[in-house]
Amino acid sequence: MGGESATRTAPRSGGTGSEPVGSRTGQRLSGLAVALGLVLFLGGFGWGAVAYRPYTVPTSSMSPTIAAGDRVLAQRVDGSEVRRGDVVVFTDKSWVSNSAVVKRVVAVGGDTVACCTNGKLTINGKQIEEPYLPKGSLAEITDIPTVTVPKGRLFLLGDERQGSLDSTAHLTDAAGGTVARSAVSARVDAVVWPMNGMLKRPTGFEALGTLSQPGPLRAVVGLIVAGAVLILAGGAYGPIAKRVGGGRARTRTESPGAR
């Protein structure tokens, strides 16, 4: 009888009948979050590596849009995709041998470029608003004649017009300062160092035709950020669950036992 009584009155540990914090379900969800996060994180980096190339702009000819020494990300594009207002990366041996150059496309094949009317660049008789120029600066270029851009070629200028070695500096070349579309390898989407973000859309060219759409950079960054959040959240689950579970165990231990 004594042994039977002892069995009935022995204290039982609390909570053993319910699933504890840090259970198998939680661990599985944690592992799934980490795995999905890795897929998104690495997928975002992979997509970015395929779609974009980094460049460092060595001069101030694109100031204030891009300053000397700025690091940019440029989407790999075919020259046929380039439109007016795009800031592009190209290579033309008649400009700088084997070096990439960054300039803004202001006219495409068939356009007529003139400067200036009321201090503004004129394309096909339309005055172009260029808010990306340095503050207080006009597009005034004193030594540029009216130029008709040949088919399949581009006319490019720097945003800092007074100091840029652009199409106006190559007017006496056989191509009249223009560059073949095929010379373009990428279109600049953003300045990433310093972190100035995406380039503003060149809306002044909208009256002349469709503008280029931004590349997938925002989606790429979104994938990377979402992946990092999932990885951190999934990895933090174990330590947090252990700490919470330990706190509950201490609370039960410190509470008066049943008598």
Protein backbone atom coordinates (compact mmCIF):
# COMPACT_ATOMS: atom_id res chain seq x y z
CA MET A 1 0.00 0.00 0.00
CA GLY A 2 2.88 2.40 0.87
CA GLY A 3 4.44 1.95 -2.55
CA GLU A 4 1.07 2.45 -4.23
CA SER A 5 0.51 5.69 -2.28
CA ALA A 6 3.95 7.02 -3.21
CA THR A 7 3.21 6.39 -6.87
CA ARG A 8 -0.01 8.40 -6.73
CA THR A 9 1.52 11.40 -4.91
CA ALA A 10 4.83 11.67 -6.86
CA PRO A 11 5.19 15.11 -8.49
CA ARG A 12 5.06 15.25 -12.29
CA SER A 13 7.01 17.66 -14.40
CA GLY A 14 4.80 20.28 -16.08
CA GLY A 15 4.39 20.63 -19.82
CA THR A 16 5.62 17.20 -20.89
CA GLY A 17 2.34 16.44 -22.62
CA SER A 18 2.59 19.41 -25.03
CA GLU A 19 5.03 20.09 -27.85
CA PRO A 20 7.90 22.19 -26.46
CA VAL A 21 9.31 25.39 -27.91
CA GLY A 22 11.87 24.48 -30.57
CA SER A 23 9.80 21.46 -31.61
CA ARG A 24 10.34 19.45 -34.77
CA THR A 25 7.70 21.50 -36.61
CA GLY A 26 9.48 24.74 -35.74
CA GLN A 27 12.84 23.29 -36.71
CA ARG A 28 11.49 22.14 -40.04
CA LEU A 29 9.98 25.55 -40.78
CA SER A 30 13.26 27.15 -39.73
CA GLY A 31 15.21 24.89 -42.11
CA LEU A 32 12.74 25.59 -44.91
CA ALA A 33 13.13 29.36 -44.39
CA VAL A 34 16.92 29.08 -44.55
CA ALA A 35 16.79 26.89 -47.67
CA LEU A 36 14.37 29.24 -49.45
CA GLY A 37 16.44 32.21 -48.35
CA LEU A 38 19.58 30.69 -49.84
CA VAL A 39 17.77 30.07 -53.13
CA LEU A 40 16.54 33.68 -53.31
CA PHE A 41 19.85 35.15 -52.14
CA LEU A 42 22.06 33.19 -54.52
CA GLY A 43 19.49 33.47 -57.32
CA GLY A 44 19.47 37.25 -56.96
CA PHE A 45 23.26 37.43 -57.09
CA GLY A 46 23.34 35.07 -60.07
CA TRP A 47 20.74 37.08 -61.95
CA GLY A 48 22.59 40.30 -61.20
CA ALA A 49 25.90 38.82 -62.40
CA VAL A 50 24.33 37.77 -65.69
CA ALA A 51 22.34 40.97 -66.30
CA TYR A 52 24.78 43.63 -65.06
CA ARG A 53 28.39 44.73 -65.22
CA PRO A 54 30.13 47.14 -62.83
CA TYR A 55 32.13 50.08 -64.16
CA THR A 56 34.11 52.88 -62.57
CA VAL A 57 33.75 56.23 -64.35
CA PRO A 58 37.16 57.92 -64.29
CA THR A 59 36.20 61.46 -65.38
CA SER A 60 33.65 64.15 -64.48
CA SER A 61 32.23 64.40 -68.01
CA MET A 62 28.90 62.94 -66.81
CA SER A 63 28.67 65.17 -63.72
CA PRO A 64 26.45 65.69 -61.79
CA THR A 65 24.66 62.48 -62.86
CA ILE A 66 27.85 60.47 -62.38
CA ALA A 67 30.88 61.98 -60.66
CA ALA A 68 34.51 61.07 -61.27
CA GLY A 69 35.32 57.82 -59.47
CA ASP A 70 31.68 56.73 -59.09
CA ARG A 71 30.91 53.03 -59.39
CA VAL A 72 27.94 52.23 -61.63
CA LEU A 73 25.95 49.14 -62.58
CA ALA A 74 25.15 48.85 -66.27
CA GLN A 75 22.69 46.37 -67.74
CA ARG A 76 24.06 44.32 -70.61
CA VAL A 77 22.05 45.31 -73.68
CA ASP A 78 22.28 45.10 -77.43
CA GLY A 79 22.86 48.36 -79.26
CA SER A 80 19.52 47.98 -81.02
CA GLU A 81 17.76 48.44 -77.65
CA VAL A 82 19.28 51.87 -77.00
CA ARG A 83 16.97 54.91 -77.01
CA ARG A 84 17.35 58.66 -76.66
CA GLY A 85 18.29 59.75 -73.15
CA ASP A 86 20.04 56.49 -72.21
CA VAL A 87 23.41 56.65 -70.48
CA VAL A 88 25.41 53.95 -72.23
CA VAL A 89 28.77 52.20 -72.09
CA PHE A 90 30.50 51.75 -75.44
CA THR A 91 33.89 51.16 -76.99
CA ASP A 92 35.06 53.01 -80.10
CA LYS A 93 38.72 52.89 -81.08
CA SER A 94 38.50 56.29 -82.78
CA TRP A 95 37.56 57.79 -79.39
CA VAL A 96 39.65 55.95 -76.81
CA SER A 97 41.52 52.80 -77.81
CA ASN A 98 40.19 49.67 -76.05
CA SER A 99 38.63 51.65 -73.19
CA ALA A 100 34.95 51.79 -72.27
CA VAL A 101 33.35 55.25 -72.46
CA VAL A 102 30.19 56.40 -70.65
CA LYS A 103 28.03 59.08 -72.34
CA ARG A 104 24.37 60.00 -72.85
CA VAL A 105 22.61 59.24 -76.13
CA VAL A 106 20.86 62.41 -77.33
CA ALA A 107 20.06 61.38 -80.91
CA VAL A 108 19.66 58.19 -82.94
CA GLY A 109 19.83 57.37 -86.64
CA GLY A 110 17.78 59.80 -88.73
CA ASP A 111 17.69 62.55 -86.07
CA THR A 112 18.96 66.06 -86.71
CA VAL A 113 20.92 67.61 -83.84
CA ALA A 114 21.40 71.35 -83.46
CA CYS A 115 22.54 73.67 -80.71
CA CYS A 116 21.40 75.85 -79.39
CA THR A 117 17.94 77.50 -79.23
CA ASN A 118 17.47 79.61 -76.09
CA GLY A 119 20.40 77.71 -74.64
CA LYS A 120 18.74 74.33 -75.21
CA LEU A 121 19.73 71.36 -77.32
CA THR A 122 17.41 70.85 -80.29
CA ILE A 123 16.55 67.44 -81.78
CA ASN A 124 14.40 67.38 -84.91
CA GLY A 125 13.40 70.98 -84.24
CA LYS A 126 12.25 70.26 -80.65
CA GLN A 127 13.92 71.92 -77.69
CA ILE A 128 14.94 69.31 -75.13
CA GLU A 129 14.56 69.83 -71.39
CA GLU A 130 17.66 68.40 -69.68
CA PRO A 131 17.25 68.61 -65.90
CA TYR A 132 20.30 66.37 -65.42
CA LEU A 133 22.68 69.14 -66.54
CA PRO A 134 24.69 70.96 -63.84
CA LYS A 135 22.58 73.60 -62.07
CA GLY A 136 22.74 76.95 -63.84
CA SER A 137 24.28 75.32 -66.91
CA LEU A 138 22.92 75.62 -70.44
CA ALA A 139 23.44 73.13 -73.22
CA GLU A 140 25.34 75.85 -75.08
CA ILE A 141 27.93 74.34 -77.40
CA THR A 142 29.48 76.99 -79.61
CA ASP A 143 31.29 74.84 -82.18
CA ILE A 144 28.66 72.28 -83.21
CA PRO A 145 27.05 72.52 -86.62
CA THR A 146 23.70 70.96 -87.44
CA VAL A 147 24.30 67.20 -87.67
CA THR A 148 22.08 64.51 -89.18
CA VAL A 149 22.83 61.16 -87.55
CA PRO A 150 23.31 58.29 -90.04
CA LYS A 151 21.13 55.20 -89.74
CA GLY A 152 22.42 52.66 -87.21
CA ARG A 153 24.48 55.25 -85.36
CA LEU A 154 24.20 57.39 -82.22
CA PHE A 155 25.11 60.94 -81.22
CA LEU A 156 26.37 61.15 -77.62
CA LEU A 157 27.09 63.98 -75.20
CA GLY A 158 28.37 64.26 -71.65
CA ASP A 159 26.13 65.88 -69.04
CA GLU A 160 29.00 68.25 -68.25
CA ARG A 161 29.00 69.81 -71.72
CA GLN A 162 31.93 72.17 -71.30
CA GLY A 163 34.52 69.53 -70.43
CA SER A 164 33.25 66.38 -72.11
CA LEU A 165 35.15 64.71 -74.94
CA ASP A 166 31.99 63.49 -76.65
CA SER A 167 30.56 63.52 -80.18
CA THR A 168 31.27 67.25 -80.48
CA ALA A 169 34.99 66.55 -80.09
CA HIS A 170 34.94 64.04 -82.97
CA LEU A 171 32.95 65.93 -85.60
CA THR A 172 35.89 65.83 -88.02
CA ASP A 173 36.13 62.02 -87.84
CA ALA A 174 34.91 60.00 -90.79
CA ALA A 175 31.74 59.15 -88.84
CA GLY A 176 31.07 62.79 -87.96
CA GLY A 177 31.28 62.19 -84.23
CA THR A 178 28.67 59.42 -84.23
CA VAL A 179 29.09 55.93 -82.81
CA ALA A 180 27.70 52.67 -84.19
CA ARG A 181 24.91 51.07 -82.18
CA SER A 182 26.92 47.85 -82.23
CA ALA A 183 29.64 49.59 -80.15
CA VAL A 184 27.27 49.79 -77.16
CA SER A 185 27.63 46.99 -74.63
CA ALA A 186 25.58 48.21 -71.64
CA ARG A 187 23.14 50.81 -70.34
CA VAL A 188 23.75 52.42 -66.93
CA ASP A 189 20.92 51.81 -64.46
CA ALA A 190 22.30 53.05 -61.16
CA VAL A 191 25.18 54.61 -59.27
CA VAL A 192 26.00 52.12 -56.50
CA TRP A 193 29.03 53.82 -54.93
CA PRO A 194 28.31 56.23 -53.49
CA MET A 195 24.79 54.82 -53.14
CA ASN A 196 22.96 57.42 -55.24
CA GLY A 197 20.51 54.84 -56.57
CA MET A 198 18.75 54.54 -59.91
CA LEU A 199 19.29 57.15 -62.61
CA LYS A 200 16.32 59.45 -63.17
CA ARG A 201 14.31 58.93 -66.35
CA PRO A 202 15.24 61.41 -69.13
CA THR A 203 11.66 62.64 -69.62
CA GLY A 204 12.75 65.51 -71.87
CA PHE A 205 13.05 63.02 -74.75
CA GLU A 206 9.53 61.57 -74.41
CA ALA A 207 8.11 63.79 -77.16
CA LEU A 208 10.53 62.19 -79.63
CA GLY A 209 9.67 58.56 -78.91
CA THR A 210 9.52 55.79 -76.34
CA LEU A 211 12.05 55.82 -73.52
CA SER A 212 13.91 52.73 -72.33
CA GLN A 213 12.39 50.85 -69.42
CA PRO A 214 14.51 50.39 -66.28
CA GLY A 215 16.35 47.09 -66.04
CA PRO A 216 15.63 44.38 -63.44
CA LEU A 217 17.92 45.88 -60.79
CA ARG A 218 15.12 46.53 -58.28
CA ALA A 219 13.91 42.94 -58.63
CA VAL A 220 17.47 41.65 -58.20
CA VAL A 221 17.95 43.69 -55.02
CA GLY A 222 14.53 42.57 -53.77
CA LEU A 223 15.47 38.90 -54.14
CA ILE A 224 18.78 39.39 -52.34
CA VAL A 225 17.18 41.30 -49.45
CA ALA A 226 14.30 38.81 -49.10
CA GLY A 227 16.76 35.92 -49.13
CA ALA A 228 18.95 37.54 -46.47
CA VAL A 229 15.92 38.17 -44.23
CA LEU A 230 14.75 34.55 -44.51
CA ILE A 231 18.24 33.22 -43.80
CA LEU A 232 18.63 35.41 -40.71
CA ALA A 233 15.11 34.66 -39.46
CA GLY A 234 15.49 30.90 -39.96
CA GLY A 235 18.94 30.85 -38.40
CA ALA A 236 17.77 32.87 -35.39
CA TYR A 237 14.86 30.53 -34.64
CA GLY A 238 16.93 27.91 -32.81
CA PRO A 239 18.70 30.23 -30.34
CA ILE A 240 15.50 32.23 -29.70
CA ALA A 241 13.42 29.08 -29.12
CA LYS A 242 16.10 27.70 -26.78
CA ARG A 243 16.20 30.93 -24.80
CA VAL A 244 12.40 31.13 -24.55
CA GLY A 245 12.18 27.46 -23.57
CA GLY A 246 14.89 27.92 -20.96
CA GLY A 247 13.05 30.89 -19.49
CA ARG A 248 9.84 28.89 -19.18
CA ALA A 249 11.67 25.99 -17.55
CA ARG A 250 13.20 28.33 -14.96
CA THR A 251 9.77 29.82 -14.27
CA ARG A 252 8.31 26.37 -13.60
CA THR A 253 11.25 25.45 -11.35
CA GLU A 254 10.91 28.62 -9.28
CA SER A 255 7.11 28.15 -8.83
CA PRO A 256 5.87 26.31 -5.62
CA GLY A 257 5.41 22.60 -6.33
CA ALA A 258 2.11 20.73 -5.81
CA ARG A 259 1.77 19.04 -2.45
